[in-house]
């Protein structure tokens, strides 16, 4: 298939390396890390579904 999308844990590692830790907290005050994790997991599932169609 195409490129593999990193799992949430890999994406989290990439995010912490590329963004200052307080950047997301300052910009997105109403979304916490748990909510972001759910969103990333959902996006990965959608990508997989679209790739298999």
Protein backbone atom coordinates (compact mmCIF):
# COMPACT_ATOMS: atom_id res chain seq x y z
CA UNK A 1 0.00 0.00 0.00
CA UNK A 2 1.03 3.64 0.32
CA UNK A 3 2.88 5.32 3.09
CA UNK A 4 2.20 4.06 6.58
CA UNK A 5 0.72 6.60 8.97
CA UNK A 6 2.44 6.63 12.33
CA UNK A 7 0.40 5.46 15.28
CA UNK A 8 -0.74 7.95 17.91
CA UNK A 9 2.31 7.26 20.07
CA UNK A 10 4.68 7.89 17.16
CA UNK A 11 2.77 11.03 16.18
CA UNK A 12 2.96 12.23 19.79
CA UNK A 13 6.75 11.76 19.78
CA UNK A 14 7.04 13.69 16.51
CA UNK A 15 4.78 16.43 17.86
CA UNK A 16 6.84 16.87 21.02
CA UNK A 17 10.04 17.08 19.01
CA UNK A 18 8.76 19.69 16.54
CA UNK A 19 6.50 21.88 18.71
CA UNK A 20 7.28 23.63 21.95
CA UNK A 21 5.38 21.88 24.72
CA UNK A 22 3.32 24.92 25.65
CA UNK A 23 2.48 25.98 22.06
CA UNK A 24 -0.56 23.74 21.67
CA UNK A 25 -1.79 24.57 25.17
CA UNK A 26 -1.68 28.28 24.34
CA UNK A 27 -3.38 27.93 20.95
CA UNK A 28 -5.96 25.23 21.73
CA UNK A 29 -7.08 25.86 25.27
CA UNK A 30 -10.36 23.93 24.91
CA UNK A 31 -8.82 20.72 23.51
CA UNK A 32 -6.72 18.54 25.81
CA UNK A 33 -4.19 15.85 24.93
CA UNK A 34 -6.73 13.06 25.34
CA UNK A 35 -9.07 14.69 22.83
CA UNK A 36 -6.19 15.14 20.37
CA UNK A 37 -5.28 11.46 20.74
CA UNK A 38 -8.85 10.43 19.90
CA UNK A 39 -8.82 12.71 16.86
CA UNK A 40 -5.51 11.30 15.61
CA UNK A 41 -6.75 7.72 16.05
CA UNK A 42 -9.95 8.57 14.17
CA UNK A 43 -8.03 10.22 11.33
CA UNK A 44 -5.82 7.13 11.01
CA UNK A 45 -8.90 4.90 10.80
CA UNK A 46 -10.46 7.12 8.12
CA UNK A 47 -7.22 7.08 6.13
CA UNK A 48 -7.05 3.28 6.33
CA UNK A 49 -10.69 2.97 5.24
CA UNK A 50 -10.16 5.28 2.27
CA UNK A 51 -6.96 3.49 1.28
CA UNK A 52 -8.71 0.12 1.14
CA UNK A 53 -11.59 1.37 -1.04
